Amino acid sequence: MSKNKHIKFLNKAHNLAKKKFGSTFPNPAVGCIIANSNKVISSGVTASEGRPHAEEIALKKAGDKAKGSTMYVTLEPCFHKSHNGSCAEQILRSGIKTLYIAKHDPDPRTNKKSIKKLKNNEIKVFLGLLEEKTNTLNHFFFHSLKLKRPFIKVKMAISNDEKIAGFDYKSKWISNSISRDFSHSLRFRSQAILTTSKTIIKDNPRFTIRKKGKIVKYIPTIIIDTSLKIPLTIKLLKDISKKRIIIFTATKGQKYKYLKKIGCEIILMKKNKENKMNLMTIFKKIYQLKINDVFVEAGGIFFTDLLKNNLVDDLHLFKSQKIIGLKGKPFIINQKISDLTLKEISRIKFGNDIYHHLKIN
């Protein structure tokens, strides 16, 4: 079979993974195709919340037809134990003869162990074809694994003069409805939203994910609230039975006890010399909770703090043509966009708004 045929099947596997991205957290989205005589026998993609894996699903569908076939998978099959044994063990039992893997899995539990085992059992393994596609799709997973903290994405809507609100915060919508709809799709492809008590007190958001006005998903919400200032009447708490709410605070008391009682997960922290909680420690703890992809929706002060601590990986910026004026609230304290070292990944025009997907170097 020519190289182009192998690329075709691996592309099919990548397309499966791409369609499922956003629902497999904390695992990466992986696609798998099993083919024989240039025909697809079966396919699989990582199930919701990460299990079962793509290979296990594809092998179960294929049954005895897997014998002598070729498997195409976007990430190295797992080496660690699962209900039916590791994916590597299941492949060995299936009779698959050839395996094309786009990228090895850097997770220490696997990290080329499956490749070695499969090769040692006389399965032909080809590694690296379309590796960049896997890198791009599951960048959050590889990044968080390397840094032992979540991949951190920040969303900001700003005016043409780089403000996020008027001096009294009354200018509620800066971006238009098309931009806001797209913002919901960004939420959908995230594992958790992170915000501050100041944003909650000011905006009272629900942080649901909506499509055509209807709620389609409840997403875990993380709140940074040093002094436990959030009111007990906020909209977020009305959804407590439907979503996970995690609060980082340095304050105990009656409100602390009540929030725990109704189902909030509260993580008690110590304050530093600046009377704040250490952001790096917070993100390390979030990673320990198996949350490795975070979408930040907060204000300019918090964004500035994240930048100071090198805790911004991606910036999703919606820029409108509105002018708010000198007294407006800046999106970065004492800085402008031009002061940041940015690489533009993509740009889309939504009516009069321009959306920029930026990587911070």
Protein backbone atom coordinates (compact mmCIF):
# COMPACT_ATOMS: atom_id res chain seq x y z
CA MET A 1 0.00 0.00 0.00
CA SER A 2 1.37 3.44 -0.91
CA LYS A 3 2.25 6.12 1.66
CA ASN A 4 -0.72 8.21 0.45
CA LYS A 5 -3.12 5.39 1.43
CA HIS A 6 -1.65 5.30 4.94
CA ILE A 7 -1.98 9.09 5.17
CA LYS A 8 -5.62 8.80 4.06
CA PHE A 9 -6.49 6.36 6.86
CA LEU A 10 -4.57 8.35 9.48
CA ASN A 11 -6.40 11.49 8.34
CA LYS A 12 -9.69 9.65 8.87
CA ALA A 13 -8.56 8.79 12.40
CA HIS A 14 -7.62 12.42 13.05
CA ASN A 15 -11.00 13.64 11.76
CA LEU A 16 -12.76 11.30 14.21
CA ALA A 17 -10.67 12.68 17.07
CA LYS A 18 -11.29 16.29 16.05
CA LYS A 19 -15.08 15.83 16.08
CA LYS A 20 -14.95 14.43 19.63
CA PHE A 21 -12.56 17.05 21.04
CA GLY A 22 -13.95 18.72 24.15
CA SER A 23 -15.78 15.69 25.54
CA THR A 24 -12.88 13.33 26.37
CA PHE A 25 -11.28 15.29 29.22
CA PRO A 26 -9.04 14.65 31.09
CA ASN A 27 -7.81 12.39 28.26
CA PRO A 28 -6.73 13.52 24.81
CA ALA A 29 -9.11 12.91 21.90
CA VAL A 30 -7.77 9.91 19.97
CA GLY A 31 -9.04 8.41 16.73
CA CYS A 32 -8.51 4.85 15.45
CA ILE A 33 -9.15 3.12 12.11
CA ILE A 34 -8.74 -0.61 11.39
CA ALA A 35 -8.35 -1.39 7.70
CA ASN A 36 -7.70 -4.40 5.46
CA SER A 37 -7.29 -4.63 1.68
CA ASN A 38 -7.73 -0.85 1.45
CA LYS A 39 -11.14 -0.99 3.18
CA VAL A 40 -12.14 0.33 6.60
CA ILE A 41 -13.28 -2.54 8.82
CA SER A 42 -14.03 -0.50 11.93
CA SER A 43 -13.32 2.77 13.69
CA GLY A 44 -13.25 4.17 17.20
CA VAL A 45 -12.75 7.42 19.04
CA THR A 46 -12.11 8.09 22.72
CA ALA A 47 -15.40 7.87 24.61
CA SER A 48 -16.79 10.71 26.71
CA GLU A 49 -14.74 11.42 29.82
CA GLY A 50 -11.85 9.39 28.41
CA ARG A 51 -12.97 5.74 28.59
CA PRO A 52 -13.04 3.36 26.81
CA HIS A 53 -10.12 4.25 24.56
CA ALA A 54 -10.41 4.52 20.76
CA GLU A 55 -8.46 1.30 20.07
CA GLU A 56 -10.63 -0.75 22.45
CA ILE A 57 -13.81 0.49 20.75
CA ALA A 58 -12.45 -0.19 17.23
CA LEU A 59 -11.22 -3.68 18.18
CA LYS A 60 -14.56 -4.62 19.74
CA LYS A 61 -16.39 -3.53 16.56
CA ALA A 62 -13.94 -5.42 14.32
CA GLY A 63 -14.02 -8.72 16.23
CA ASP A 64 -12.28 -11.55 14.30
CA LYS A 65 -11.91 -9.29 11.23
CA ALA A 66 -9.02 -7.53 13.03
CA LYS A 67 -6.73 -10.54 12.37
CA GLY A 68 -4.10 -9.66 9.79
CA SER A 69 -5.36 -6.07 9.52
CA THR A 70 -3.66 -2.70 9.91
CA MET A 71 -4.48 -0.25 12.70
CA TYR A 72 -4.12 3.53 12.32
CA VAL A 73 -4.15 5.50 15.57
CA THR A 74 -3.41 9.15 16.34
CA LEU A 75 -1.63 8.46 19.65
CA GLU A 76 0.37 5.50 20.97
CA PRO A 77 -1.94 2.88 22.51
CA CYS A 78 -1.88 2.87 26.32
CA PHE A 79 0.41 0.54 28.26
CA HIS A 80 -1.32 0.97 31.63
CA LYS A 81 -4.01 -1.34 32.94
CA SER A 82 -7.70 -0.99 32.07
CA HIS A 83 -10.76 -3.24 32.48
CA ASN A 84 -9.85 -5.43 29.50
CA GLY A 85 -6.09 -5.01 29.82
CA SER A 86 -4.05 -2.22 28.25
CA CYS A 87 -4.73 -1.24 24.64
CA ALA A 88 -1.31 -2.72 23.76
CA GLU A 89 -2.39 -6.10 25.19
CA GLN A 90 -5.73 -5.96 23.38
CA ILE A 91 -3.95 -5.26 20.07
CA LEU A 92 -1.68 -8.27 20.64
CA ARG A 93 -4.68 -10.54 21.31
CA SER A 94 -6.53 -9.22 18.24
CA GLY A 95 -4.08 -10.44 15.59
CA ILE A 96 -3.41 -6.96 14.17
CA LYS A 97 -0.23 -7.25 12.06
CA THR A 98 0.71 -3.63 11.31
CA LEU A 99 0.30 -0.41 13.26
CA TYR A 100 0.66 3.22 12.14
CA ILE A 101 0.95 5.62 15.10
CA ALA A 102 1.02 9.38 14.53
CA LYS A 103 2.72 10.23 17.85
CA HIS A 104 4.17 8.43 20.86
CA ASP A 105 2.45 9.07 24.21
CA PRO A 106 4.69 11.12 26.56
CA ASP A 107 2.65 9.97 29.59
CA PRO A 108 5.23 8.14 31.77
CA ARG A 109 2.79 5.21 32.14
CA THR A 110 3.12 4.54 28.39
CA ASN A 111 5.93 6.61 26.76
CA LYS A 112 7.03 4.20 23.98
CA LYS A 113 6.51 1.10 26.20
CA SER A 114 3.60 -0.06 24.02
CA ILE A 115 5.62 0.48 20.83
CA LYS A 116 8.46 -1.62 22.26
CA LYS A 117 6.11 -4.40 23.39
CA LEU A 118 4.30 -4.55 20.05
CA LYS A 119 7.56 -4.64 18.08
CA ASN A 120 8.92 -7.37 20.37
CA ASN A 121 5.82 -9.42 19.47
CA GLU A 122 6.51 -9.14 15.71
CA ILE A 123 3.97 -6.42 14.95
CA LYS A 124 5.23 -3.90 12.40
CA VAL A 125 5.04 -0.42 13.94
CA PHE A 126 5.47 2.83 11.99
CA LEU A 127 5.71 6.00 14.08
CA GLY A 128 5.51 9.71 13.23
CA LEU A 129 3.26 9.97 10.16
CA LEU A 130 1.05 13.09 10.66
CA GLU A 131 2.52 13.66 14.15
CA GLU A 132 1.93 17.43 13.87
CA LYS A 133 -1.84 16.89 13.58
CA THR A 134 -1.90 15.07 16.92
CA ASN A 135 0.32 17.77 18.47
CA THR A 136 -2.03 20.52 17.31
CA LEU A 137 -5.30 18.87 18.35
CA ASN A 138 -4.20 17.71 21.81
CA HIS A 139 -1.73 20.47 22.59
CA PHE A 140 -3.38 20.99 26.00
CA PHE A 141 -2.59 17.40 27.02
CA PHE A 142 1.10 17.42 26.07
CA HIS A 143 1.59 20.91 27.51
CA SER A 144 -0.04 20.10 30.86
CA LEU A 145 1.85 16.80 31.12
CA LYS A 146 5.15 18.64 30.61
CA LEU A 147 4.49 21.54 33.03
CA LYS A 148 2.39 19.64 35.62
CA ARG A 149 -0.25 22.38 35.47
CA PRO A 150 -3.30 22.91 33.24
CA PHE A 151 -3.11 24.46 29.79
CA ILE A 152 -4.37 28.01 30.48
CA LYS A 153 -6.51 29.86 27.92
CA VAL A 154 -7.73 33.40 28.59
CA LYS A 155 -10.77 34.95 26.89
CA MET A 156 -11.06 38.75 26.77
CA ALA A 157 -13.50 41.04 24.97
CA ILE A 158 -12.02 44.51 24.50
CA SER A 159 -12.95 47.81 22.90
CA ASN A 160 -10.91 49.38 20.11
CA ASP A 161 -9.07 51.43 22.76
CA GLU A 162 -8.25 48.23 24.72
CA LYS A 163 -10.77 48.59 27.56
CA ILE A 164 -12.93 45.82 29.04
CA ALA A 165 -15.59 48.07 30.61
CA GLY A 166 -16.53 51.66 31.42
CA PHE A 167 -15.36 53.18 34.70
CA ASP A 168 -18.63 52.06 36.39
CA TYR A 169 -18.68 48.58 34.73
CA LYS A 170 -22.09 49.34 33.21
CA SER A 171 -21.01 48.66 29.61
CA LYS A 172 -22.05 44.97 29.78
CA TRP A 173 -21.57 43.79 26.19
CA ILE A 174 -18.47 44.90 24.31
CA SER A 175 -18.49 42.11 21.72
CA ASN A 176 -21.48 41.35 19.48
CA SER A 177 -23.82 38.33 19.59
CA ILE A 178 -21.85 36.41 16.91
CA SER A 179 -18.67 36.74 18.98
CA ARG A 180 -20.54 35.63 22.10
CA ASP A 181 -21.88 32.55 20.30
CA PHE A 182 -18.35 31.66 19.21
CA SER A 183 -17.18 32.18 22.79
CA HIS A 184 -19.63 29.46 23.85
CA SER A 185 -18.00 27.07 21.37
CA LEU A 186 -14.63 27.84 23.02
CA ARG A 187 -16.16 27.02 26.41
CA PHE A 188 -17.52 23.77 24.98
CA ARG A 189 -14.00 22.73 23.97
CA SER A 190 -12.62 23.42 27.46
CA GLN A 191 -12.49 21.21 30.54
CA ALA A 192 -13.25 23.92 33.13
CA ILE A 193 -13.89 27.66 33.46
CA LEU A 194 -11.85 29.65 35.95
CA THR A 195 -12.97 33.04 37.29
CA THR A 196 -12.64 35.36 40.28
CA SER A 197 -15.04 36.49 43.00
CA LYS A 198 -14.79 40.02 41.58
CA THR A 199 -16.11 38.88 38.17
CA ILE A 200 -18.93 36.91 39.82
CA ILE A 201 -19.98 39.85 42.04
CA LYS A 202 -19.87 42.25 39.07
CA ASP A 203 -21.50 40.07 36.35
CA ASN A 204 -23.32 37.25 38.22
CA PRO A 205 -22.66 34.79 35.34
CA ARG A 206 -24.00 31.23 35.09
CA PHE A 207 -21.10 30.02 32.89
CA THR A 208 -23.29 27.51 31.08
CA ILE A 209 -22.71 26.54 27.46
CA ARG A 210 -25.59 27.52 25.22
CA LYS A 211 -26.53 26.87 21.62
CA LYS A 212 -29.38 28.86 20.08
CA GLY A 213 -30.28 30.06 23.56
CA LYS A 214 -30.54 26.56 25.04
CA ILE A 215 -28.15 25.11 27.63
CA VAL A 216 -26.27 22.20 26.04
CA LYS A 217 -23.57 21.62 28.67
CA TYR A 218 -22.70 22.42 32.28
CA ILE A 219 -18.97 22.90 32.75
CA PRO A 220 -16.96 22.71 36.01
CA THR A 221 -16.30 26.19 37.38
CA ILE A 222 -13.30 27.19 39.50
CA ILE A 223 -13.53 30.36 41.60
CA ILE A 224 -10.58 32.26 43.07
CA ASP A 225 -12.04 33.93 46.18
CA THR A 226 -9.40 34.79 48.81
CA SER A 227 -11.81 36.35 51.33
CA LEU A 228 -14.89 34.29 50.38
CA LYS A 229 -16.84 37.31 49.15
CA ILE A 230 -19.21 35.60 46.71
CA PRO A 231 -22.87 36.10 47.70
CA LEU A 232 -24.86 32.94 48.42
CA THR A 233 -27.58 34.16 46.02
CA ILE A 234 -25.43 33.96 42.85
CA LYS A 235 -26.75 32.15 39.75
CA LEU A 236 -23.80 29.72 39.75
CA LEU A 237 -24.93 28.15 43.03
CA LYS A 238 -28.40 27.53 41.59
CA ASP A 239 -26.74 25.01 39.22
CA ILE A 240 -24.78 23.22 41.97
CA SER A 241 -26.69 19.94 41.40
CA LYS A 242 -25.69 19.98 37.72
CA LYS A 243 -22.07 21.12 37.79
CA ARG A 244 -18.85 20.90 39.75
CA ILE A 245 -17.90 24.10 41.60
CA ILE A 246 -14.39 24.37 43.07
CA ILE A 247 -13.48 27.35 45.27
CA PHE A 248 -9.97 28.38 46.31
CA THR A 249 -10.03 30.55 49.44
CA ALA A 250 -7.94 31.60 52.45
CA THR A 251 -11.02 32.17 54.64
CA LYS A 252 -12.97 29.82 56.93
CA GLY A 253 -16.23 30.51 58.74
CA GLN A 254 -19.99 30.00 58.43
CA LYS A 255 -20.06 30.71 54.66
CA TYR A 256 -17.23 28.20 54.13
CA LYS A 257 -19.23 25.54 56.02
CA TYR A 258 -22.44 26.32 54.11
CA LEU A 259 -20.77 26.19 50.70
CA LYS A 260 -19.23 22.82 51.55
CA LYS A 261 -22.59 21.55 52.78
CA ILE A 262 -24.37 22.37 49.50
CA GLY A 263 -21.70 20.57 47.46
CA CYS A 264 -18.92 23.03 46.60
CA GLU A 265 -15.39 21.66 46.69
CA ILE A 266 -13.39 24.14 48.78
CA ILE A 267 -9.60 24.18 48.85
CA LEU A 268 -8.11 26.17 51.70
CA MET A 269 -4.95 28.14 50.87
CA LYS A 270 -2.54 30.41 52.73
CA LYS A 271 -2.05 34.07 51.79
CA ASN A 272 1.35 35.35 50.65
CA LYS A 273 3.05 38.64 51.54
CA GLU A 274 0.82 40.50 49.05
CA ASN A 275 -2.29 39.20 50.87
CA LYS A 276 -3.10 36.98 47.87
CA MET A 277 -3.02 33.24 47.25
CA ASN A 278 -0.13 31.87 45.19
CA LEU A 279 -1.40 31.39 41.63
CA MET A 280 1.18 28.78 40.62
CA THR A 281 0.23 26.67 43.66
CA ILE A 282 -3.46 27.00 42.74
CA PHE A 283 -2.85 25.76 39.19
CA LYS A 284 -0.69 22.87 40.43
CA LYS A 285 -3.58 21.84 42.71
CA ILE A 286 -6.05 22.14 39.81
CA TYR A 287 -3.82 19.76 37.80
CA GLN A 288 -3.87 17.31 40.73
CA LEU A 289 -7.69 17.36 40.46
CA LYS A 290 -7.21 15.89 36.92
CA ILE A 291 -8.17 19.19 35.29
CA ASN A 292 -5.60 19.91 32.60
CA ASP A 293 -7.40 22.46 30.41
CA VAL A 294 -8.71 25.73 31.88
CA PHE A 295 -10.61 28.59 30.20
CA VAL A 296 -10.20 31.83 32.15
CA GLU A 297 -13.03 34.40 32.07
CA ALA A 298 -12.11 37.24 34.44
CA GLY A 299 -10.99 40.88 34.46
CA GLY A 300 -7.89 42.91 33.66
CA ILE A 301 -6.34 42.76 37.13
CA PHE A 302 -6.43 38.95 37.19
CA PHE A 303 -5.18 38.75 33.58
CA THR A 304 -2.25 41.00 34.57
CA ASP A 305 -1.46 38.71 37.53
CA LEU A 306 -1.50 35.67 35.25
CA LEU A 307 0.88 37.38 32.82
CA LYS A 308 3.27 38.30 35.66
CA ASN A 309 3.37 34.65 36.71
CA ASN A 310 3.81 33.33 33.13
CA LEU A 311 0.46 31.55 33.43
CA VAL A 312 -1.12 32.37 30.05
CA ASP A 313 -0.68 29.90 27.18
CA ASP A 314 -3.39 31.02 24.75
CA LEU A 315 -5.28 34.31 24.43
CA HIS A 316 -8.71 34.42 22.77
CA LEU A 317 -9.25 38.11 22.08
CA PHE A 318 -12.48 39.61 20.75
CA LYS A 319 -11.87 43.21 19.66
CA SER A 320 -14.82 45.47 18.87
CA GLN A 321 -14.87 48.86 17.15
CA LYS A 322 -16.35 50.58 20.21
CA ILE A 323 -14.46 53.33 22.01
CA ILE A 324 -14.88 53.43 25.79
CA GLY A 325 -12.49 56.28 26.65
CA LEU A 326 -9.69 57.07 29.07
CA LYS A 327 -11.73 56.36 32.20
CA GLY A 328 -12.55 52.81 31.06
CA LYS A 329 -11.12 49.71 32.73
CA PRO A 330 -7.97 48.46 30.93
CA PHE A 331 -7.61 44.82 29.89
CA ILE A 332 -3.99 44.82 31.12
CA ILE A 333 -2.83 47.07 33.95
CA ASN A 334 -0.20 49.59 32.76
CA GLN A 335 0.33 47.74 29.47
CA LYS A 336 -0.99 47.48 25.92
CA ILE A 337 -1.30 44.58 23.47
CA SER A 338 1.79 45.86 21.67
CA ASP A 339 3.83 45.29 24.85
CA LEU A 340 3.18 41.53 24.71
CA THR A 341 5.12 39.02 22.62
CA LEU A 342 2.35 37.32 20.65
CA LYS A 343 2.02 34.90 17.77
CA GLU A 344 -1.26 34.95 15.88
CA ILE A 345 -2.71 31.47 15.28
CA SER A 346 -5.88 32.60 13.53
CA ARG A 347 -8.13 35.61 12.92
CA ILE A 348 -11.85 35.69 12.14
CA LYS A 349 -14.17 38.62 11.45
CA PHE A 350 -17.52 38.48 13.26
CA GLY A 351 -19.49 41.47 11.94
CA ASN A 352 -17.64 44.51 13.28
CA ASP A 353 -15.68 42.41 15.79
CA ILE A 354 -12.36 40.76 15.05
CA TYR A 355 -11.45 37.55 16.90
CA HIS A 356 -7.75 36.82 17.40
CA HIS A 357 -6.44 33.46 18.61
CA LEU A 358 -3.01 34.32 20.00
CA LYS A 359 -0.18 32.36 21.57
CA ILE A 360 1.85 34.15 24.24
CA ASN A 361 5.59 33.57 23.86
